[in-house]
Amino acid sequence: MTPSENIDQLIKNNKDWRGEALYKIRKIILSTDPEIIEEWKWRGVPVWYKDGMICTCETYMTTVKMTFARGAELDDHTSLFNSSLDGKVRRAIDFSEGDLIDKDELKSLILAAINLNKSKLKK
């Protein structure tokens, strides 16, 4: 299966709120930039790339965790990051059941990650 098909299957396998959250997050990621590439890594983790890794998304029992590869370097002016805050590289957003996903704020953070990746390529 392709990475996109694996992600489709992961969404279908999570028949509760986690599948719906992953579906929404994925839709926002892919709508941010048409050149974003989906990958399937580490035995079942969706990963998105553009000029480097942007983020991963994993489903757990009580959360859907969206981890930004270079989150510690991003300006999170809307305070979306609520997990892995002490890490020196990554930052994450833990979505719980019932949480609203702010499309505009999340897109802004994804664009910041893409721009950071681009700036690292130029060096």
PDB file of N, CA and C in Angstrom:
ATOM      1  N   MET A   1       0.845  -1.194   0.000  1.00  0.00           N
ATOM      2  CA  MET A   1       0.000   0.000   0.000  1.00  0.00           C
ATOM      3  C   MET A   1       0.884   1.249   0.000  1.00  0.00           C
ATOM      4  N   THR A   2       0.343   2.311  -0.558  1.00  0.00           N
ATOM      5  CA  THR A   2       1.046   3.587  -0.551  1.00  0.00           C
ATOM      6  C   THR A   2       0.938   4.220   0.840  1.00  0.00           C
ATOM      7  N   PRO A   3       1.792   5.210   1.136  1.00  0.00           N
ATOM      8  CA  PRO A   3       1.641   5.905   2.422  1.00  0.00           C
ATOM      9  C   PRO A   3       0.242   6.493   2.610  1.00  0.00           C
ATOM     10  N   SER A   4      -0.302   7.088   1.567  1.00  0.00           N
ATOM     11  CA  SER A   4      -1.652   7.679   1.676  1.00  0.00           C
ATOM     12  C   SER A   4      -2.707   6.620   1.967  1.00  0.00           C
ATOM     13  N   GLU A   5      -2.574   5.454   1.340  1.00  0.00           N
ATOM     14  CA  GLU A   5      -3.521   4.365   1.600  1.00  0.00           C
ATOM     15  C   GLU A   5      -3.379   3.848   3.032  1.00  0.00           C
ATOM     16  N   ASN A   6      -2.156   3.788   3.531  1.00  0.00           N
ATOM     17  CA  ASN A   6      -1.942   3.379   4.930  1.00  0.00           C
ATOM     18  C   ASN A   6      -2.597   4.360   5.897  1.00  0.00           C
ATOM     19  N   ILE A   7      -2.477   5.643   5.590  1.00  0.00           N
ATOM     20  CA  ILE A   7      -3.101   6.658   6.451  1.00  0.00           C
ATOM     21  C   ILE A   7      -4.620   6.564   6.369  1.00  0.00           C
ATOM     22  N   ASP A   8      -5.140   6.345   5.165  1.00  0.00           N
ATOM     23  CA  ASP A   8      -6.591   6.121   5.010  1.00  0.00           C
ATOM     24  C   ASP A   8      -7.049   4.969   5.896  1.00  0.00           C
ATOM     25  N   GLN A   9      -6.285   3.886   5.883  1.00  0.00           N
ATOM     26  CA  GLN A   9      -6.639   2.703   6.672  1.00  0.00           C
ATOM     27  C   GLN A   9      -6.565   2.983   8.171  1.00  0.00           C
ATOM     28  N   LEU A  10      -5.556   3.738   8.584  1.00  0.00           N
ATOM     29  CA  LEU A  10      -5.440   4.109   9.995  1.00  0.00           C
ATOM     30  C   LEU A  10      -6.662   4.904  10.445  1.00  0.00           C
ATOM     31  N   ILE A  11      -7.098   5.825   9.609  1.00  0.00           N
ATOM     32  CA  ILE A  11      -8.290   6.621   9.929  1.00  0.00           C
ATOM     33  C   ILE A  11      -9.507   5.709  10.047  1.00  0.00           C
ATOM     34  N   LYS A  12      -9.669   4.788   9.118  1.00  0.00           N
ATOM     35  CA  LYS A  12     -10.811   3.857   9.149  1.00  0.00           C
ATOM     36  C   LYS A  12     -10.763   2.947  10.369  1.00  0.00           C
ATOM     37  N   ASN A  13      -9.567   2.535  10.770  1.00  0.00           N
ATOM     38  CA  ASN A  13      -9.424   1.633  11.918  1.00  0.00           C
ATOM     39  C   ASN A  13      -9.753   2.316  13.238  1.00  0.00           C
ATOM     40  N   ASN A  14      -9.593   3.629  13.294  1.00  0.00           N
ATOM     41  CA  ASN A  14      -9.950   4.401  14.488  1.00  0.00           C
ATOM     42  C   ASN A  14     -11.371   4.912  14.287  1.00  0.00           C
ATOM     43  N   LYS A  15     -12.333   4.090  14.652  1.00  0.00           N
ATOM     44  CA  LYS A  15     -13.739   4.376  14.358  1.00  0.00           C
ATOM     45  C   LYS A  15     -14.373   5.375  15.325  1.00  0.00           C
ATOM     46  N   ASP A  16     -13.616   5.842  16.284  1.00  0.00           N
ATOM     47  CA  ASP A  16     -14.158   6.799  17.250  1.00  0.00           C
ATOM     48  C   ASP A  16     -13.657   8.209  16.919  1.00  0.00           C
ATOM     49  N   TRP A  17     -13.648   9.072  17.878  1.00  0.00           N
ATOM     50  CA  TRP A  17     -13.262  10.465  17.704  1.00  0.00           C
ATOM     51  C   TRP A  17     -11.835  10.623  17.193  1.00  0.00           C
ATOM     52  N   ARG A  18     -10.964   9.643  17.504  1.00  0.00           N
ATOM     53  CA  ARG A  18      -9.560   9.742  17.084  1.00  0.00           C
ATOM     54  C   ARG A  18      -9.426   9.680  15.563  1.00  0.00           C
ATOM     55  N   GLY A  19     -10.196   8.830  14.915  1.00  0.00           N
ATOM     56  CA  GLY A  19     -10.179   8.763  13.457  1.00  0.00           C
ATOM     57  C   GLY A  19     -10.658  10.060  12.834  1.00  0.00           C
ATOM     58  N   GLU A  20     -11.700  10.627  13.406  1.00  0.00           N
ATOM     59  CA  GLU A  20     -12.227  11.903  12.914  1.00  0.00           C
ATOM     60  C   GLU A  20     -11.206  13.026  13.108  1.00  0.00           C
ATOM     61  N   ALA A  21     -10.547  13.039  14.264  1.00  0.00           N
ATOM     62  CA  ALA A  21      -9.533  14.069  14.523  1.00  0.00           C
ATOM     63  C   ALA A  21      -8.362  13.925  13.549  1.00  0.00           C
ATOM     64  N   LEU A  22      -7.894  12.711  13.355  1.00  0.00           N
ATOM     65  CA  LEU A  22      -6.794  12.477  12.422  1.00  0.00           C
ATOM     66  C   LEU A  22      -7.197  12.890  11.002  1.00  0.00           C
ATOM     67  N   TYR A  23      -8.422  12.581  10.623  1.00  0.00           N
ATOM     68  CA  TYR A  23      -8.934  12.976   9.311  1.00  0.00           C
ATOM     69  C   TYR A  23      -8.876  14.502   9.151  1.00  0.00           C
ATOM     70  N   LYS A  24      -9.365  15.231  10.154  1.00  0.00           N
ATOM     71  CA  LYS A  24      -9.376  16.689  10.098  1.00  0.00           C
ATOM     72  C   LYS A  24      -7.967  17.265  10.062  1.00  0.00           C
ATOM     73  N   ILE A  25      -7.088  16.741  10.908  1.00  0.00           N
ATOM     74  CA  ILE A  25      -5.707  17.220  10.953  1.00  0.00           C
ATOM     75  C   ILE A  25      -5.030  16.997   9.605  1.00  0.00           C
ATOM     76  N   ARG A  26      -5.190  15.806   9.066  1.00  0.00           N
ATOM     77  CA  ARG A  26      -4.590  15.481   7.763  1.00  0.00           C
ATOM     78  C   ARG A  26      -5.105  16.417   6.677  1.00  0.00           C
ATOM     79  N   LYS A  27      -6.393  16.669   6.672  1.00  0.00           N
ATOM     80  CA  LYS A  27      -6.994  17.548   5.669  1.00  0.00           C
ATOM     81  C   LYS A  27      -6.394  18.955   5.765  1.00  0.00           C
ATOM     82  N   ILE A  28      -6.203  19.447   6.969  1.00  0.00           N
ATOM     83  CA  ILE A  28      -5.601  20.772   7.173  1.00  0.00           C
ATOM     84  C   ILE A  28      -4.158  20.768   6.688  1.00  0.00           C
ATOM     85  N   ILE A  29      -3.397  19.733   7.046  1.00  0.00           N
ATOM     86  CA  ILE A  29      -1.995  19.648   6.614  1.00  0.00           C
ATOM     87  C   ILE A  29      -1.911  19.700   5.089  1.00  0.00           C
ATOM     88  N   LEU A  30      -2.667  18.836   4.433  1.00  0.00           N
ATOM     89  CA  LEU A  30      -2.580  18.734   2.977  1.00  0.00           C
ATOM     90  C   LEU A  30      -3.115  19.973   2.266  1.00  0.00           C
ATOM     91  N   SER A  31      -4.038  20.692   2.879  1.00  0.00           N
ATOM     92  CA  SER A  31      -4.570  21.902   2.256  1.00  0.00           C
ATOM     93  C   SER A  31      -3.644  23.105   2.447  1.00  0.00           C
ATOM     94  N   THR A  32      -2.661  22.978   3.305  1.00  0.00           N
ATOM     95  CA  THR A  32      -1.749  24.088   3.577  1.00  0.00           C
ATOM     96  C   THR A  32      -0.811  24.344   2.408  1.00  0.00           C
ATOM     97  N   ASP A  33      -0.344  23.277   1.769  1.00  0.00           N
ATOM     98  CA  ASP A  33       0.577  23.408   0.651  1.00  0.00           C
ATOM     99  C   ASP A  33       0.434  22.180  -0.244  1.00  0.00           C
ATOM    100  N   PRO A  34       0.201  22.376  -1.548  1.00  0.00           N
ATOM    101  CA  PRO A  34      -0.017  21.224  -2.435  1.00  0.00           C
ATOM    102  C   PRO A  34       1.219  20.338  -2.628  1.00  0.00           C
ATOM    103  N   GLU A  35       2.378  20.804  -2.214  1.00  0.00           N
ATOM    104  CA  GLU A  35       3.608  20.026  -2.385  1.00  0.00           C
ATOM    105  C   GLU A  35       3.972  19.189  -1.158  1.00  0.00           C
ATOM    106  N   ILE A  36       3.131  19.184  -0.152  1.00  0.00           N
ATOM    107  CA  ILE A  36       3.397  18.362   1.030  1.00  0.00           C
ATOM    108  C   ILE A  36       3.292  16.893   0.644  1.00  0.00           C
ATOM    109  N   ILE A  37       4.244  16.118   1.126  1.00  0.00           N
ATOM    110  CA  ILE A  37       4.324  14.687   0.819  1.00  0.00           C
ATOM    111  C   ILE A  37       3.987  13.892   2.069  1.00  0.00           C
ATOM    112  N   GLU A  38       3.149  12.867   1.887  1.00  0.00           N
ATOM    113  CA  GLU A  38       2.806  11.960   2.985  1.00  0.00           C
ATOM    114  C   GLU A  38       3.737  10.752   2.959  1.00  0.00           C
ATOM    115  N   GLU A  39       4.177  10.352   4.120  1.00  0.00           N
ATOM    116  CA  GLU A  39       4.990   9.141   4.269  1.00  0.00           C
ATOM    117  C   GLU A  39       4.400   8.288   5.386  1.00  0.00           C
ATOM    118  N   TRP A  40       4.832   7.049   5.443  1.00  0.00           N
ATOM    119  CA  TRP A  40       4.402   6.075   6.457  1.00  0.00           C
ATOM    120  C   TRP A  40       5.673   5.494   7.036  1.00  0.00           C
ATOM    121  N   LYS A  41       5.985   5.824   8.289  1.00  0.00           N
ATOM    122  CA  LYS A  41       7.273   5.452   8.883  1.00  0.00           C
ATOM    123  C   LYS A  41       7.088   4.676  10.183  1.00  0.00           C
ATOM    124  N   TRP A  42       8.170   4.109  10.614  1.00  0.00           N
ATOM    125  CA  TRP A  42       8.298   3.505  11.942  1.00  0.00           C
ATOM    126  C   TRP A  42       7.127   2.599  12.309  1.00  0.00           C
ATOM    127  N   ARG A  43       6.796   1.692  11.426  1.00  0.00           N
ATOM    128  CA  ARG A  43       5.728   0.715  11.674  1.00  0.00           C
ATOM    129  C   ARG A  43       4.368   1.340  11.958  1.00  0.00           C
ATOM    130  N   GLY A  44       4.048   2.394  11.258  1.00  0.00           N
ATOM    131  CA  GLY A  44       2.689   2.896  11.374  1.00  0.00           C
ATOM    132  C   GLY A  44       2.495   4.318  11.825  1.00  0.00           C
ATOM    133  N   VAL A  45       3.409   5.213  11.496  1.00  0.00           N
ATOM    134  CA  VAL A  45       3.252   6.610  11.886  1.00  0.00           C
ATOM    135  C   VAL A  45       3.148   7.478  10.628  1.00  0.00           C
ATOM    136  N   PRO A  46       2.044   8.208  10.481  1.00  0.00           N
ATOM    137  CA  PRO A  46       1.941   9.155   9.371  1.00  0.00           C
ATOM    138  C   PRO A  46       2.920  10.315   9.575  1.00  0.00           C
ATOM    139  N   VAL A  47       3.615  10.666   8.506  1.00  0.00           N
ATOM    140  CA  VAL A  47       4.611  11.741   8.554  1.00  0.00           C
ATOM    141  C   VAL A  47       4.408  12.614   7.316  1.00  0.00           C
ATOM    142  N   TRP A  48       4.520  13.921   7.509  1.00  0.00           N
ATOM    143  CA  TRP A  48       4.367  14.849   6.402  1.00  0.00           C
ATOM    144  C   TRP A  48       5.645  15.659   6.225  1.00  0.00           C
ATOM    145  N   TYR A  49       6.033  15.826   4.939  1.00  0.00           N
ATOM    146  CA  TYR A  49       7.284  16.491   4.577  1.00  0.00           C
ATOM    147  C   TYR A  49       7.052  17.602   3.560  1.00  0.00           C
ATOM    148  N   LYS A  50       7.849  18.635   3.679  1.00  0.00           N
ATOM    149  CA  LYS A  50       8.042  19.643   2.637  1.00  0.00           C
ATOM    150  C   LYS A  50       9.353  20.330   2.963  1.00  0.00           C
ATOM    151  N   ASP A  51      10.355  20.090   2.148  1.00  0.00           N
ATOM    152  CA  ASP A  51      11.705  20.617   2.378  1.00  0.00           C
ATOM    153  C   ASP A  51      12.267  20.125   3.717  1.00  0.00           C
ATOM    154  N   GLY A  52      11.810  18.997   4.171  1.00  0.00           N
ATOM    155  CA  GLY A  52      12.181  18.410   5.454  1.00  0.00           C
ATOM    156  C   GLY A  52      10.919  17.975   6.178  1.00  0.00           C
ATOM    157  N   MET A  53      11.096  17.301   7.281  1.00  0.00           N
ATOM    158  CA  MET A  53       9.939  16.820   8.034  1.00  0.00           C
ATOM    159  C   MET A  53       9.189  17.985   8.661  1.00  0.00           C
ATOM    160  N   ILE A  54       7.869  17.957   8.495  1.00  0.00           N
ATOM    161  CA  ILE A  54       7.006  18.954   9.134  1.00  0.00           C
ATOM    162  C   ILE A  54       6.510  18.394  10.464  1.00  0.00           C
ATOM    163  N   CYS A  55       5.797  17.273  10.384  1.00  0.00           N
ATOM    164  CA  CYS A  55       5.184  16.733  11.593  1.00  0.00           C
ATOM    165  C   CYS A  55       4.806  15.272  11.415  1.00  0.00           C
ATOM    166  N   THR A  56       4.487  14.661  12.547  1.00  0.00           N
ATOM    167  CA  THR A  56       3.935  13.316  12.592  1.00  0.00           C
ATOM    168  C   THR A  56       2.586  13.402  13.302  1.00  0.00           C
ATOM    169  N   CYS A  57       1.832  12.326  13.213  1.00  0.00           N
ATOM    170  CA  CYS A  57       0.556  12.291  13.927  1.00  0.00           C
ATOM    171  C   CYS A  57       0.310  10.855  14.378  1.00  0.00           C
ATOM    172  N   GLU A  58       0.132  10.676  15.669  1.00  0.00           N
ATOM    173  CA  GLU A  58      -0.080   9.346  16.229  1.00  0.00           C
ATOM    174  C   GLU A  58      -1.352   9.332  17.069  1.00  0.00           C
ATOM    175  N   THR A  59      -2.025   8.188  17.038  1.00  0.00           N
ATOM    176  CA  THR A  59      -3.230   8.030  17.853  1.00  0.00           C
ATOM    177  C   THR A  59      -2.913   7.183  19.071  1.00  0.00           C
ATOM    178  N   TYR A  60      -3.349   7.658  20.212  1.00  0.00           N
ATOM    179  CA  TYR A  60      -3.217   6.949  21.487  1.00  0.00           C
ATOM    180  C   TYR A  60      -4.617   6.772  22.075  1.00  0.00           C
ATOM    181  N   MET A  61      -4.704   6.134  23.203  1.00  0.00           N
ATOM    182  CA  MET A  61      -6.017   5.864  23.813  1.00  0.00           C
ATOM    183  C   MET A  61      -6.801   7.146  24.102  1.00  0.00           C
ATOM    184  N   THR A  62      -6.140   8.162  24.622  1.00  0.00           N
ATOM    185  CA  THR A  62      -6.855   9.372  25.023  1.00  0.00           C
ATOM    186  C   THR A  62      -6.460  10.616  24.241  1.00  0.00           C
ATOM    187  N   THR A  63      -5.524  10.492  23.313  1.00  0.00           N
ATOM    188  CA  THR A  63      -5.081  11.658  22.546  1.00  0.00           C
ATOM    189  C   THR A  63      -4.728  11.298  21.109  1.00  0.00           C
ATOM    190  N   VAL A  64      -4.758  12.313  20.288  1.00  0.00           N
ATOM    191  CA  VAL A  64      -4.131  12.269  18.971  1.00  0.00           C
ATOM    192  C   VAL A  64      -3.002  13.283  19.071  1.00  0.00           C
ATOM    193  N   LYS A  65      -1.770  12.800  18.928  1.00  0.00           N
ATOM    194  CA  LYS A  65      -0.590  13.633  19.138  1.00  0.00           C
ATOM    195  C   LYS A  65      -0.005  14.046  17.797  1.00  0.00           C
ATOM    196  N   MET A  66       0.054  15.354  17.594  1.00  0.00           N
ATOM    197  CA  MET A  66       0.669  15.935  16.405  1.00  0.00           C
ATOM    198  C   MET A  66       1.988  16.542  16.838  1.00  0.00           C
ATOM    199  N   THR A  67       3.098  15.929  16.389  1.00  0.00           N
ATOM    200  CA  THR A  67       4.419  16.353  16.817  1.00  0.00           C
ATOM    201  C   THR A  67       5.136  17.065  15.679  1.00  0.00           C
ATOM    202  N   PHE A  68       5.587  18.265  15.928  1.00  0.00           N
ATOM    203  CA  PHE A  68       6.338  19.041  14.949  1.00  0.00           C
ATOM    204  C   PHE A  68       7.819  18.773  15.133  1.00  0.00           C
ATOM    205  N   ALA A  69       8.473  18.378  14.048  1.00  0.00           N
ATOM    206  CA  ALA A  69       9.869  17.945  14.094  1.00  0.00           C
ATOM    207  C   ALA A  69      10.795  19.009  14.664  1.00  0.00           C
ATOM    208  N   ARG A  70      10.580  20.261  14.315  1.00  0.00           N
ATOM    209  CA  ARG A  70      11.408  21.364  14.815  1.00  0.00           C
ATOM    210  C   ARG A  70      10.555  22.361  15.597  1.00  0.00           C
ATOM    211  N   GLY A  71       9.609  21.841  16.323  1.00  0.00           N
ATOM    212  CA  GLY A  71       8.662  22.689  17.032  1.00  0.00           C
ATOM    213  C   GLY A  71       9.278  23.664  18.005  1.00  0.00           C
ATOM    214  N   ALA A  72      10.399  23.284  18.619  1.00  0.00           N
ATOM    215  CA  ALA A  72      11.037  24.172  19.590  1.00  0.00           C
ATOM    216  C   ALA A  72      11.554  25.450  18.938  1.00  0.00           C
ATOM    217  N   GLU A  73      11.755  25.418  17.627  1.00  0.00           N
ATOM    218  CA  GLU A  73      12.251  26.591  16.904  1.00  0.00           C
ATOM    219  C   GLU A  73      11.117  27.465  16.356  1.00  0.00           C
ATOM    220  N   LEU A  74       9.890  27.006  16.480  1.00  0.00           N
ATOM    221  CA  LEU A  74       8.755  27.744  15.913  1.00  0.00           C
ATOM    222  C   LEU A  74       8.184  28.744  16.906  1.00  0.00           C
ATOM    223  N   ASP A  75       7.720  29.853  16.378  1.00  0.00           N
ATOM    224  CA  ASP A  75       7.024  30.846  17.187  1.00  0.00           C
ATOM    225  C   ASP A  75       5.566  30.411  17.294  1.00  0.00           C
ATOM    226  N   ASP A  76       5.198  29.907  18.443  1.00  0.00           N
ATOM    227  CA  ASP A  76       3.832  29.431  18.679  1.00  0.00           C
ATOM    228  C   ASP A  76       3.036  30.556  19.346  1.00  0.00           C
ATOM    229  N   HIS A  77       2.767  31.599  18.585  1.00  0.00           N
ATOM    230  CA  HIS A  77       2.108  32.787  19.138  1.00  0.00           C
ATOM    231  C   HIS A  77       0.677  32.531  19.600  1.00  0.00           C
ATOM    232  N   THR A  78       0.074  31.433  19.151  1.00  0.00           N
ATOM    233  CA  THR A  78      -1.295  31.116  19.582  1.00  0.00           C
ATOM    234  C   THR A  78      -1.326  30.040  20.669  1.00  0.00           C
ATOM    235  N   SER A  79      -0.151  29.611  21.107  1.00  0.00           N
ATOM    236  CA  SER A  79      -0.010  28.616  22.184  1.00  0.00           C
ATOM    237  C   SER A  79      -0.731  27.302  21.887  1.00  0.00           C
ATOM    238  N   LEU A  80      -0.572  26.802  20.662  1.00  0.00           N
ATOM    239  CA  LEU A  80      -1.145  25.503  20.324  1.00  0.00           C
ATOM    240  C   LEU A  80      -0.385  24.359  20.977  1.00  0.00           C
ATOM    241  N   PHE A  81       0.938  24.513  21.090  1.00  0.00           N
ATOM    242  CA  PHE A  81       1.724  23.433  21.690  1.00  0.00           C
ATOM    243  C   PHE A  81       1.335  23.253  23.149  1.00  0.00           C
ATOM    244  N   ASN A  82       1.016  22.014  23.513  1.00  0.00           N
ATOM    245  CA  ASN A  82       0.644  21.712  24.893  1.00  0.00           C
ATOM    246  C   ASN A  82       1.302  20.434  25.402  1.00  0.00           C
ATOM    247  N   SER A  83       2.285  19.932  24.654  1.00  0.00           N
ATOM    248  CA  SER A  83       2.953  18.694  25.028  1.00  0.00           C
ATOM    249  C   SER A  83       4.408  18.741  24.550  1.00  0.00           C
ATOM    250  N   SER A  84       5.265  17.997  25.232  1.00  0.00           N
ATOM    251  CA  SER A  84       6.696  17.952  24.895  1.00  0.00           C
ATOM    252  C   SER A  84       7.320  19.347  24.954  1.00  0.00           C
ATOM    253  N   LEU A  85       6.877  20.152  25.875  1.00  0.00           N
ATOM    254  CA  LEU A  85       7.312  21.542  25.948  1.00  0.00           C
ATOM    255  C   LEU A  85       8.738  21.706  26.463  1.00  0.00           C
ATOM    256  N   ASP A  86       9.280  20.691  27.108  1.00  0.00           N
ATOM    257  CA  ASP A  86      10.642  20.771  27.627  1.00  0.00           C
ATOM    258  C   ASP A  86      11.677  20.228  26.652  1.00  0.00           C
ATOM    259  N   GLY A  87      11.219  19.676  25.525  1.00  0.00           N
ATOM    260  CA  GLY A  87      12.139  19.118  24.544  1.00  0.00           C
ATOM    261  C   GLY A  87      12.958  20.202  23.875  1.00  0.00           C
ATOM    262  N   LYS A  88      14.154  19.857  23.464  1.00  0.00           N
ATOM    263  CA  LYS A  88      15.037  20.834  22.838  1.00  0.00           C
ATOM    264  C   LYS A  88      14.815  20.940  21.337  1.00  0.00           C
ATOM    265  N   VAL A  89      14.063  20.000  20.761  1.00  0.00           N
ATOM    266  CA  VAL A  89      13.841  20.003  19.319  1.00  0.00           C
ATOM    267  C   VAL A  89      12.354  19.984  18.984  1.00  0.00           C
ATOM    268  N   ARG A  90      11.641  18.990  19.438  1.00  0.00           N
ATOM    269  CA  ARG A  90      10.236  18.792  19.065  1.00  0.00           C
ATOM    270  C   ARG A  90       9.283  19.491  20.033  1.00  0.00           C
ATOM    271  N   ARG A  91       8.094  19.758  19.509  1.00  0.00           N
ATOM    272  CA  ARG A  91       6.957  20.218  20.304  1.00  0.00           C
ATOM    273  C   ARG A  91       5.730  19.504  19.751  1.00  0.00           C
ATOM    274  N   ALA A  92       4.736  19.314  20.605  1.00  0.00           N
ATOM    275  CA  ALA A  92       3.559  18.563  20.167  1.00  0.00           C
ATOM    276  C   ALA A  92       2.270  19.247  20.613  1.00  0.00           C
ATOM    277  N   ILE A  93       1.225  18.859  19.913  1.00  0.00           N
ATOM    278  CA  ILE A  93      -0.132  19.255  20.291  1.00  0.00           C
ATOM    279  C   ILE A  93      -0.880  17.966  20.571  1.00  0.00           C
ATOM    280  N   ASP A  94      -1.376  17.810  21.790  1.00  0.00           N
ATOM    281  CA  ASP A  94      -2.212  16.670  22.142  1.00  0.00           C
ATOM    282  C   ASP A  94      -3.669  17.101  22.016  1.00  0.00           C
ATOM    283  N   PHE A  95      -4.373  16.460  21.094  1.00  0.00           N
ATOM    284  CA  PHE A  95      -5.797  16.688  20.939  1.00  0.00           C
ATOM    285  C   PHE A  95      -6.532  15.605  21.705  1.00  0.00           C
ATOM    286  N   SER A  96      -7.490  16.010  22.519  1.00  0.00           N
ATOM    287  CA  SER A  96      -8.309  15.077  23.282  1.00  0.00           C
ATOM    288  C   SER A  96      -9.729  15.087  22.730  1.00  0.00           C
ATOM    289  N   GLU A  97     -10.493  14.110  23.120  1.00  0.00           N
ATOM    290  CA  GLU A  97     -11.873  14.023  22.659  1.00  0.00           C
ATOM    291  C   GLU A  97     -12.616  15.315  22.986  1.00  0.00           C
ATOM    292  N   GLY A  98     -13.303  15.853  22.006  1.00  0.00           N
ATOM    293  CA  GLY A  98     -14.077  17.074  22.199  1.00  0.00           C
ATOM    294  C   GLY A  98     -13.317  18.356  21.911  1.00  0.00           C
ATOM    295  N   ASP A  99     -11.996  18.283  21.748  1.00  0.00           N
ATOM    296  CA  ASP A  99     -11.220  19.484  21.440  1.00  0.00           C
ATOM    297  C   ASP A  99     -11.578  20.001  20.048  1.00  0.00           C
ATOM    298  N   LEU A 100     -11.662  21.306  19.947  1.00  0.00           N
ATOM    299  CA  LEU A 100     -11.859  21.931  18.650  1.00  0.00           C
ATOM    300  C   LEU A 100     -10.497  22.114  17.993  1.00  0.00           C
ATOM    301  N   ILE A 101     -10.448  21.895  16.690  1.00  0.00           N
ATOM    302  CA  ILE A 101      -9.205  22.074  15.944  1.00  0.00           C
ATOM    303  C   ILE A 101      -9.352  23.355  15.137  1.00  0.00           C
ATOM    304  N   ASP A 102      -8.567  24.367  15.500  1.00  0.00           N
ATOM    305  CA  ASP A 102      -8.639  25.653  14.821  1.00  0.00           C
ATOM    306  C   ASP A 102      -7.836  25.570  13.525  1.00  0.00           C
ATOM    307  N   LYS A 103      -8.538  25.501  12.422  1.00  0.00           N
ATOM    308  CA  LYS A 103      -7.924  25.318  11.105  1.00  0.00           C
ATOM    309  C   LYS A 103      -6.906  26.421  10.798  1.00  0.00           C
ATOM    310  N   ASP A 104      -7.284  27.665  11.011  1.00  0.00           N
ATOM    311  CA  ASP A 104      -6.406  28.782  10.661  1.00  0.00           C
ATOM    312  C   ASP A 104      -5.136  28.804  11.503  1.00  0.00           C
ATOM    313  N   GLU A 105      -5.275  28.589  12.799  1.00  0.00           N
ATOM    314  CA  GLU A 105      -4.101  28.588  13.668  1.00  0.00           C
ATOM    315  C   GLU A 105      -3.177  27.421  13.350  1.00  0.00           C
ATOM    316  N   LEU A 106      -3.760  26.244  13.081  1.00  0.00           N
ATOM    317  CA  LEU A 106      -2.946  25.075  12.762  1.00  0.00           C
ATOM    318  C   LEU A 106      -2.241  25.269  11.423  1.00  0.00           C
ATOM    319  N   LYS A 107      -2.936  25.815  10.439  1.00  0.00           N
ATOM    320  CA  LYS A 107      -2.316  26.100   9.145  1.00  0.00           C
ATOM    321  C   LYS A 107      -1.143  27.056   9.302  1.00  0.00           C
ATOM    322  N   SER A 108      -1.323  28.060  10.133  1.00  0.00           N
ATOM    323  CA  SER A 108      -0.261  29.030  10.374  1.00  0.00           C
ATOM    324  C   SER A 108       0.982  28.359  10.949  1.00  0.00           C
ATOM    325  N   LEU A 109       0.785  27.445  11.871  1.00  0.00           N
ATOM    326  CA  LEU A 109       1.907  26.725  12.468  1.00  0.00           C
ATOM    327  C   LEU A 109       2.579  25.799  11.446  1.00  0.00           C
ATOM    328  N   ILE A 110       1.787  25.154  10.607  1.00  0.00           N
ATOM    329  CA  ILE A 110       2.334  24.286   9.558  1.00  0.00           C
ATOM    330  C   ILE A 110       3.149  25.116   8.570  1.00  0.00           C
ATOM    331  N   LEU A 111       2.638  26.271   8.171  1.00  0.00           N
ATOM    332  CA  LEU A 111       3.384  27.150   7.268  1.00  0.00           C
ATOM    333  C   LEU A 111       4.690  27.624   7.893  1.00  0.00           C
ATOM    334  N   ALA A 112       4.650  27.907   9.178  1.00  0.00           N
ATOM    335  CA  ALA A 112       5.882  28.306   9.874  1.00  0.00           C
ATOM    336  C   ALA A 112       6.899  27.168   9.848  1.00  0.00           C
ATOM    337  N   ALA A 113       6.439  25.938  10.006  1.00  0.00           N
ATOM    338  CA  ALA A 113       7.340  24.788   9.955  1.00  0.00           C
ATOM    339  C   ALA A 113       7.931  24.621   8.556  1.00  0.00           C
ATOM    340  N   ILE A 114       7.121  24.812   7.527  1.00  0.00           N
ATOM    341  CA  ILE A 114       7.615  24.727   6.149  1.00  0.00           C
ATOM    342  C   ILE A 114       8.658  25.818   5.894  1.00  0.00           C
ATOM    343  N   ASN A 115       8.366  27.028   6.330  1.00  0.00           N
ATOM    344  CA  ASN A 115       9.309  28.134   6.142  1.00  0.00           C
ATOM    345  C   ASN A 115      10.610  27.897   6.893  1.00  0.00           C
ATOM    346  N   LEU A 116      10.510  27.313   8.073  1.00  0.00           N
ATOM    347  CA  LEU A 116      11.724  26.974   8.822  1.00  0.00           C
ATOM    348  C   LEU A 116      12.548  25.938   8.058  1.00  0.00           C
ATOM    349  N   ASN A 117      11.879  24.925   7.528  1.00  0.00           N
ATOM    350  CA  ASN A 117      12.585  23.918   6.736  1.00  0.00           C
ATOM    351  C   ASN A 117      13.292  24.551   5.545  1.00  0.00           C
ATOM    352  N   LYS A 118      12.613  25.448   4.845  1.00  0.00           N
ATOM    353  CA  LYS A 118      13.206  26.130   3.689  1.00  0.00           C
ATOM    354  C   LYS A 118      14.439  26.926   4.115  1.00  0.00           C
ATOM    355  N   SER A 119      14.350  27.612   5.241  1.00  0.00           N
ATOM    356  CA  SER A 119      15.473  28.431   5.696  1.00  0.00           C
ATOM    357  C   SER A 119      16.674  27.561   6.051  1.00  0.00           C
ATOM    358  N   LYS A 120      16.440  26.366   6.533  1.00  0.00           N
ATOM    359  CA  LYS A 120      17.541  25.444   6.871  1.00  0.00           C
ATOM    360  C   LYS A 120      18.199  24.910   5.610  1.00  0.00           C
ATOM    361  N   LEU A 121      17.430  24.763   4.524  1.00  0.00           N
ATOM    362  CA  LEU A 121      17.996  24.284   3.250  1.00  0.00           C
ATOM    363  C   LEU A 121      18.948  25.291   2.646  1.00  0.00           C
ATOM    364  N   LYS A 122      18.671  26.573   2.840  1.00  0.00           N
ATOM    365  CA  LYS A 122      19.488  27.626   2.246  1.00  0.00           C
ATOM    366  C   LYS A 122      20.857  27.761   2.898  1.00  0.00           C
ATOM    367  N   LYS A 123      20.999  27.248   4.101  1.00  0.00           N
ATOM    368  CA  LYS A 123      22.266  27.415   4.833  1.00  0.00           C
ATOM    369  C   LYS A 123      23.297  26.413   4.417  1.00  0.00           C
TER     370      LYS A 123
END
